[in-house]
Amino acid sequence: MVWRLKRGTKMSLSYLPWQVYIIITIGASLIAIVYALREARNSPRTIVIGMLLIGFSGILTAINKFLETKFHKVPILIGVMAFIGFIGITLFFIGAYKKTKEDPERHKVIRICIYTIIGSLTAMGIIALLAIYR
């Protein structure tokens, strides 16, 4: 069986059946949560809290997909997922920045990741503003 994307569809996992989508998102979220709990003693709290929030955001994504499939609209969960995910990623990178201060190579990689995310968000914001005010 060959799956083909329809023309004009976004690059996402939304083409998957909702059951597979939920299994993938919950599986990835549980991996993130278990990893965060295992590394709780060795890592700064901000990394652990960030990983837990990222995992929780993934679980909310699965819940959103299920409710969207059954009831067709759940607008509040999308904003909550985005906010929790943003806070989680921010805390994760703050903790990673603190943890890698002694290792210059890893510290450089973390700084590059942080700058890339900030640059991407800035570019998306500029594109959104141009689209709104055009």
N, C-alpha and C. Protein backbone atom coordinates (compact mmCIF):
# COMPACT_ATOMS: atom_id res chain seq x y z
N MET A 1 0.84 -1.17 0.00
CA MET A 1 0.00 0.00 0.00
C MET A 1 0.89 1.24 0.00
N VAL A 2 0.67 2.12 -0.94
CA VAL A 2 1.47 3.33 -1.06
C VAL A 2 0.61 4.51 -0.62
N TRP A 3 1.16 5.29 0.32
CA TRP A 3 0.46 6.49 0.77
C TRP A 3 1.00 7.67 0.00
N ARG A 4 0.10 8.43 -0.57
CA ARG A 4 0.51 9.63 -1.28
C ARG A 4 -0.16 10.83 -0.64
N LEU A 5 0.63 11.86 -0.46
CA LEU A 5 0.09 13.08 0.10
C LEU A 5 -0.70 13.83 -0.97
N LYS A 6 -1.80 14.39 -0.58
CA LYS A 6 -2.57 15.21 -1.50
C LYS A 6 -1.81 16.51 -1.75
N ARG A 7 -2.00 17.03 -2.90
CA ARG A 7 -1.32 18.28 -3.22
C ARG A 7 -1.86 19.40 -2.32
N GLY A 8 -0.93 20.17 -1.75
CA GLY A 8 -1.33 21.27 -0.90
C GLY A 8 -1.44 20.90 0.57
N THR A 9 -1.16 19.65 0.92
CA THR A 9 -1.22 19.29 2.33
C THR A 9 0.05 19.73 3.04
N LYS A 10 -0.08 19.95 4.33
CA LYS A 10 1.06 20.40 5.13
C LYS A 10 1.95 19.21 5.46
N MET A 11 3.19 19.52 5.77
CA MET A 11 4.11 18.47 6.23
C MET A 11 3.82 18.23 7.71
N SER A 12 3.06 17.23 8.00
CA SER A 12 2.73 16.89 9.37
C SER A 12 2.34 15.42 9.41
N LEU A 13 1.97 14.97 10.57
CA LEU A 13 1.53 13.59 10.71
C LEU A 13 0.02 13.46 10.62
N SER A 14 -0.66 14.52 10.18
CA SER A 14 -2.12 14.49 10.16
C SER A 14 -2.69 13.55 9.11
N TYR A 15 -1.88 13.10 8.17
CA TYR A 15 -2.37 12.16 7.16
C TYR A 15 -2.50 10.75 7.73
N LEU A 16 -1.88 10.49 8.89
CA LEU A 16 -1.97 9.17 9.51
C LEU A 16 -3.36 8.94 10.08
N PRO A 17 -3.78 7.69 10.18
CA PRO A 17 -5.03 7.41 10.90
C PRO A 17 -4.89 7.89 12.35
N TRP A 18 -6.00 8.34 12.94
CA TRP A 18 -5.90 8.96 14.26
C TRP A 18 -5.37 7.99 15.31
N GLN A 19 -5.63 6.69 15.17
CA GLN A 19 -5.12 5.73 16.15
C GLN A 19 -3.59 5.67 16.12
N VAL A 20 -3.02 5.65 14.93
CA VAL A 20 -1.55 5.61 14.78
C VAL A 20 -0.95 6.91 15.30
N TYR A 21 -1.58 8.03 14.99
CA TYR A 21 -1.11 9.34 15.45
C TYR A 21 -1.06 9.38 16.98
N ILE A 22 -2.11 8.89 17.62
CA ILE A 22 -2.17 8.89 19.08
C ILE A 22 -1.10 7.97 19.66
N ILE A 23 -0.89 6.81 19.07
CA ILE A 23 0.15 5.90 19.56
C ILE A 23 1.53 6.54 19.45
N ILE A 24 1.80 7.19 18.33
CA ILE A 24 3.11 7.83 18.14
C ILE A 24 3.32 8.96 19.14
N THR A 25 2.33 9.83 19.31
CA THR A 25 2.51 10.97 20.21
C THR A 25 2.59 10.55 21.66
N ILE A 26 1.76 9.61 22.08
CA ILE A 26 1.84 9.15 23.47
C ILE A 26 3.13 8.38 23.70
N GLY A 27 3.57 7.58 22.74
CA GLY A 27 4.83 6.86 22.88
C GLY A 27 6.01 7.80 23.03
N ALA A 28 6.08 8.82 22.17
CA ALA A 28 7.17 9.79 22.26
C ALA A 28 7.11 10.58 23.56
N SER A 29 5.90 10.91 23.99
CA SER A 29 5.75 11.65 25.24
C SER A 29 6.18 10.82 26.44
N LEU A 30 5.80 9.56 26.45
CA LEU A 30 6.21 8.69 27.56
C LEU A 30 7.72 8.49 27.58
N ILE A 31 8.34 8.41 26.41
CA ILE A 31 9.80 8.31 26.37
C ILE A 31 10.43 9.56 26.98
N ALA A 32 9.91 10.74 26.64
CA ALA A 32 10.44 11.99 27.19
C ALA A 32 10.24 12.05 28.70
N ILE A 33 9.08 11.63 29.18
CA ILE A 33 8.80 11.67 30.62
C ILE A 33 9.69 10.69 31.38
N VAL A 34 9.81 9.47 30.88
CA VAL A 34 10.66 8.47 31.55
C VAL A 34 12.11 8.92 31.56
N TYR A 35 12.59 9.47 30.45
CA TYR A 35 13.97 9.96 30.39
C TYR A 35 14.19 11.09 31.39
N ALA A 36 13.22 12.00 31.49
CA ALA A 36 13.34 13.10 32.44
C ALA A 36 13.39 12.59 33.87
N LEU A 37 12.57 11.60 34.18
CA LEU A 37 12.56 11.07 35.55
C LEU A 37 13.84 10.30 35.85
N ARG A 38 14.41 9.63 34.86
CA ARG A 38 15.68 8.92 35.08
C ARG A 38 16.83 9.88 35.29
N GLU A 39 16.82 10.98 34.57
CA GLU A 39 17.92 11.95 34.65
C GLU A 39 17.70 13.00 35.73
N ALA A 40 16.69 12.83 36.57
CA ALA A 40 16.35 13.85 37.56
C ALA A 40 17.49 14.10 38.55
N ARG A 41 18.25 13.08 38.88
CA ARG A 41 19.34 13.25 39.84
C ARG A 41 20.58 13.86 39.21
N ASN A 42 20.82 13.63 37.94
CA ASN A 42 22.05 14.06 37.28
C ASN A 42 21.92 15.38 36.55
N SER A 43 20.73 15.86 36.32
CA SER A 43 20.52 17.06 35.50
C SER A 43 19.93 18.19 36.35
N PRO A 44 20.11 19.43 35.89
CA PRO A 44 19.46 20.55 36.59
C PRO A 44 17.94 20.43 36.54
N ARG A 45 17.30 21.04 37.51
CA ARG A 45 15.83 20.96 37.58
C ARG A 45 15.15 21.53 36.34
N THR A 46 15.75 22.56 35.77
CA THR A 46 15.10 23.18 34.61
C THR A 46 15.02 22.21 33.43
N ILE A 47 16.04 21.37 33.26
CA ILE A 47 15.98 20.37 32.18
C ILE A 47 14.88 19.36 32.46
N VAL A 48 14.80 18.90 33.71
CA VAL A 48 13.80 17.90 34.07
C VAL A 48 12.39 18.47 33.91
N ILE A 49 12.17 19.67 34.41
CA ILE A 49 10.85 20.29 34.29
C ILE A 49 10.51 20.54 32.82
N GLY A 50 11.49 20.99 32.04
CA GLY A 50 11.26 21.21 30.61
C GLY A 50 10.88 19.93 29.89
N MET A 51 11.60 18.84 30.18
CA MET A 51 11.28 17.55 29.54
C MET A 51 9.89 17.05 29.95
N LEU A 52 9.55 17.23 31.23
CA LEU A 52 8.22 16.81 31.68
C LEU A 52 7.12 17.63 30.99
N LEU A 53 7.34 18.93 30.84
CA LEU A 53 6.35 19.76 30.15
C LEU A 53 6.24 19.40 28.67
N ILE A 54 7.36 19.09 28.04
CA ILE A 54 7.32 18.67 26.64
C ILE A 54 6.54 17.36 26.51
N GLY A 55 6.78 16.41 27.42
CA GLY A 55 6.03 15.15 27.41
C GLY A 55 4.54 15.37 27.64
N PHE A 56 4.22 16.26 28.59
CA PHE A 56 2.82 16.55 28.87
C PHE A 56 2.15 17.22 27.67
N SER A 57 2.88 18.08 26.98
CA SER A 57 2.35 18.72 25.78
C SER A 57 2.04 17.68 24.70
N GLY A 58 2.89 16.67 24.58
CA GLY A 58 2.63 15.60 23.61
C GLY A 58 1.40 14.79 23.96
N ILE A 59 1.20 14.54 25.24
CA ILE A 59 -0.01 13.82 25.67
C ILE A 59 -1.25 14.66 25.37
N LEU A 60 -1.16 15.97 25.61
CA LEU A 60 -2.28 16.85 25.25
C LEU A 60 -2.54 16.85 23.75
N THR A 61 -1.49 16.70 22.96
CA THR A 61 -1.65 16.61 21.50
C THR A 61 -2.47 15.37 21.14
N ALA A 62 -2.17 14.26 21.80
CA ALA A 62 -2.93 13.03 21.54
C ALA A 62 -4.39 13.18 21.96
N ILE A 63 -4.61 13.80 23.12
CA ILE A 63 -5.98 14.03 23.59
C ILE A 63 -6.72 14.94 22.62
N ASN A 64 -6.03 15.98 22.14
CA ASN A 64 -6.65 16.90 21.18
C ASN A 64 -7.05 16.17 19.90
N LYS A 65 -6.17 15.32 19.39
CA LYS A 65 -6.48 14.58 18.16
C LYS A 65 -7.69 13.67 18.35
N PHE A 66 -7.76 13.00 19.51
CA PHE A 66 -8.90 12.13 19.79
C PHE A 66 -10.19 12.93 19.86
N LEU A 67 -10.17 14.04 20.62
CA LEU A 67 -11.39 14.84 20.75
C LEU A 67 -11.77 15.51 19.43
N GLU A 68 -10.76 15.90 18.65
CA GLU A 68 -11.02 16.50 17.34
C GLU A 68 -11.68 15.48 16.41
N THR A 69 -11.25 14.23 16.51
CA THR A 69 -11.81 13.18 15.67
C THR A 69 -13.25 12.88 16.07
N LYS A 70 -13.51 12.85 17.35
CA LYS A 70 -14.84 12.47 17.82
C LYS A 70 -15.83 13.64 17.86
N PHE A 71 -15.36 14.83 18.27
CA PHE A 71 -16.27 15.96 18.46
C PHE A 71 -16.01 17.12 17.51
N HIS A 72 -14.99 17.00 16.66
CA HIS A 72 -14.69 17.91 15.55
C HIS A 72 -14.12 19.27 15.91
N LYS A 73 -14.24 19.75 17.14
CA LYS A 73 -13.63 21.04 17.48
C LYS A 73 -13.25 21.08 18.96
N VAL A 74 -12.00 21.45 19.21
CA VAL A 74 -11.52 21.64 20.58
C VAL A 74 -10.51 22.79 20.53
N PRO A 75 -10.97 24.04 20.46
CA PRO A 75 -10.04 25.15 20.23
C PRO A 75 -9.12 25.48 21.41
N ILE A 76 -9.55 25.25 22.64
CA ILE A 76 -8.76 25.68 23.80
C ILE A 76 -7.50 24.83 23.98
N LEU A 77 -7.56 23.56 23.62
CA LEU A 77 -6.40 22.69 23.84
C LEU A 77 -5.20 23.07 22.98
N ILE A 78 -5.44 23.61 21.81
CA ILE A 78 -4.33 23.98 20.93
C ILE A 78 -3.48 25.07 21.57
N GLY A 79 -4.12 26.07 22.13
CA GLY A 79 -3.39 27.14 22.81
C GLY A 79 -2.65 26.65 24.04
N VAL A 80 -3.29 25.78 24.80
CA VAL A 80 -2.65 25.23 26.00
C VAL A 80 -1.44 24.39 25.62
N MET A 81 -1.57 23.56 24.58
CA MET A 81 -0.44 22.73 24.13
C MET A 81 0.73 23.59 23.69
N ALA A 82 0.44 24.62 22.92
CA ALA A 82 1.51 25.48 22.42
C ALA A 82 2.21 26.20 23.57
N PHE A 83 1.44 26.69 24.53
CA PHE A 83 2.03 27.41 25.66
C PHE A 83 2.89 26.49 26.52
N ILE A 84 2.36 25.31 26.85
CA ILE A 84 3.12 24.36 27.66
C ILE A 84 4.37 23.89 26.92
N GLY A 85 4.24 23.61 25.64
CA GLY A 85 5.40 23.20 24.85
C GLY A 85 6.46 24.28 24.76
N PHE A 86 6.03 25.53 24.59
CA PHE A 86 6.98 26.65 24.52
C PHE A 86 7.72 26.82 25.84
N ILE A 87 7.00 26.77 26.95
CA ILE A 87 7.64 26.88 28.27
C ILE A 87 8.58 25.70 28.49
N GLY A 88 8.17 24.50 28.10
CA GLY A 88 9.01 23.31 28.26
C GLY A 88 10.30 23.40 27.47
N ILE A 89 10.22 23.82 26.22
CA ILE A 89 11.42 23.95 25.39
C ILE A 89 12.34 25.04 25.94
N THR A 90 11.75 26.14 26.40
CA THR A 90 12.56 27.22 26.98
C THR A 90 13.30 26.74 28.22
N LEU A 91 12.60 26.07 29.13
CA LEU A 91 13.25 25.56 30.34
C LEU A 91 14.31 24.52 30.01
N PHE A 92 14.03 23.68 29.02
CA PHE A 92 15.01 22.67 28.62
C PHE A 92 16.31 23.32 28.16
N PHE A 93 16.21 24.33 27.32
CA PHE A 93 17.42 24.97 26.82
C PHE A 93 18.12 25.80 27.89
N ILE A 94 17.38 26.38 28.82
CA ILE A 94 18.03 27.09 29.93
C ILE A 94 18.84 26.10 30.76
N GLY A 95 18.24 24.96 31.08
CA GLY A 95 18.96 23.94 31.85
C GLY A 95 20.15 23.37 31.10
N ALA A 96 19.99 23.15 29.80
CA ALA A 96 21.10 22.62 29.00
C ALA A 96 22.23 23.64 28.93
N TYR A 97 21.90 24.91 28.86
CA TYR A 97 22.91 25.97 28.83
C TYR A 97 23.71 25.97 30.13
N LYS A 98 23.00 25.84 31.25
CA LYS A 98 23.68 25.81 32.55
C LYS A 98 24.53 24.55 32.70
N LYS A 99 24.02 23.43 32.24
CA LYS A 99 24.71 22.15 32.43
C LYS A 99 26.00 22.06 31.61
N THR A 100 26.05 22.71 30.47
CA THR A 100 27.20 22.55 29.57
C THR A 100 28.22 23.68 29.69
N LYS A 101 28.16 24.47 30.74
CA LYS A 101 29.12 25.58 30.87
C LYS A 101 30.56 25.11 30.95
N GLU A 102 30.81 23.94 31.53
CA GLU A 102 32.18 23.44 31.68
C GLU A 102 32.71 22.80 30.40
N ASP A 103 31.84 22.36 29.52
CA ASP A 103 32.25 21.70 28.28
C ASP A 103 32.04 22.66 27.11
N PRO A 104 33.14 23.27 26.59
CA PRO A 104 32.96 24.31 25.56
C PRO A 104 32.33 23.81 24.26
N GLU A 105 32.60 22.57 23.86
CA GLU A 105 32.02 22.06 22.61
C GLU A 105 30.51 21.90 22.72
N ARG A 106 30.05 21.27 23.78
CA ARG A 106 28.60 21.11 23.96
C ARG A 106 27.93 22.46 24.18
N HIS A 107 28.60 23.34 24.90
CA HIS A 107 28.05 24.67 25.16
C HIS A 107 27.84 25.41 23.83
N LYS A 108 28.78 25.26 22.92
CA LYS A 108 28.68 25.89 21.61
C LYS A 108 27.49 25.34 20.83
N VAL A 109 27.29 24.02 20.89
CA VAL A 109 26.15 23.39 20.19
C VAL A 109 24.83 23.89 20.77
N ILE A 110 24.74 23.97 22.09
CA ILE A 110 23.51 24.46 22.73
C ILE A 110 23.25 25.91 22.34
N ARG A 111 24.28 26.73 22.32
CA ARG A 111 24.11 28.12 21.91
C ARG A 111 23.63 28.22 20.47
N ILE A 112 24.17 27.39 19.60
CA ILE A 112 23.72 27.39 18.20
C ILE A 112 22.25 26.98 18.11
N CYS A 113 21.85 25.98 18.87
CA CYS A 113 20.44 25.55 18.89
C CYS A 113 19.53 26.68 19.38
N ILE A 114 19.96 27.35 20.45
CA ILE A 114 19.15 28.46 20.99
C ILE A 114 19.03 29.58 19.96
N TYR A 115 20.14 29.94 19.32
CA TYR A 115 20.10 31.01 18.32
C TYR A 115 19.24 30.61 17.12
N THR A 116 19.29 29.34 16.74
CA THR A 116 18.48 28.87 15.62
C THR A 116 16.99 28.96 15.94
N ILE A 117 16.62 28.57 17.14
CA ILE A 117 15.21 28.64 17.54
C ILE A 117 14.75 30.09 17.62
N ILE A 118 15.57 30.95 18.21
CA ILE A 118 15.20 32.37 18.29
C ILE A 118 15.07 32.97 16.89
N GLY A 119 16.01 32.65 16.01
CA GLY A 119 15.95 33.15 14.64
C GLY A 119 14.72 32.65 13.90
N SER A 120 14.39 31.37 14.08
CA SER A 120 13.21 30.80 13.42
C SER A 120 11.93 31.46 13.91
N LEU A 121 11.82 31.64 15.23
CA LEU A 121 10.63 32.29 15.78
C LEU A 121 10.53 33.74 15.31
N THR A 122 11.66 34.43 15.23
CA THR A 122 11.64 35.81 14.73
C THR A 122 11.20 35.85 13.27
N ALA A 123 11.72 34.95 12.46
CA ALA A 123 11.33 34.90 11.05
C ALA A 123 9.84 34.59 10.90
N MET A 124 9.33 33.64 11.70
CA MET A 124 7.90 33.32 11.63
C MET A 124 7.06 34.51 12.07
N GLY A 125 7.52 35.24 13.08
CA GLY A 125 6.80 36.43 13.53
C GLY A 125 6.76 37.50 12.46
N ILE A 126 7.89 37.71 11.79
CA ILE A 126 7.94 38.71 10.72
C ILE A 126 7.03 38.31 9.57
N ILE A 127 7.05 37.04 9.20
CA ILE A 127 6.17 36.56 8.12
C ILE A 127 4.71 36.72 8.51
N ALA A 128 4.38 36.42 9.77
CA ALA A 128 2.99 36.57 10.22
C ALA A 128 2.57 38.04 10.19
N LEU A 129 3.45 38.93 10.63
CA LEU A 129 3.12 40.36 10.59
C LEU A 129 2.95 40.86 9.16
N LEU A 130 3.81 40.40 8.27
CA LEU A 130 3.67 40.80 6.87
C LEU A 130 2.37 40.27 6.27
N ALA A 131 1.98 39.06 6.66
CA ALA A 131 0.74 38.49 6.14
C ALA A 131 -0.48 39.22 6.69
N ILE A 132 -0.39 39.66 7.95
CA ILE A 132 -1.53 40.35 8.56
C ILE A 132 -1.71 41.75 7.97
N TYR A 133 -0.61 42.48 7.82
CA TYR A 133 -0.70 43.87 7.39
C TYR A 133 -0.54 44.08 5.90
N ARG A 134 -0.68 43.05 5.14
CA ARG A 134 -0.56 43.18 3.70
C ARG A 134 -1.87 43.48 3.06
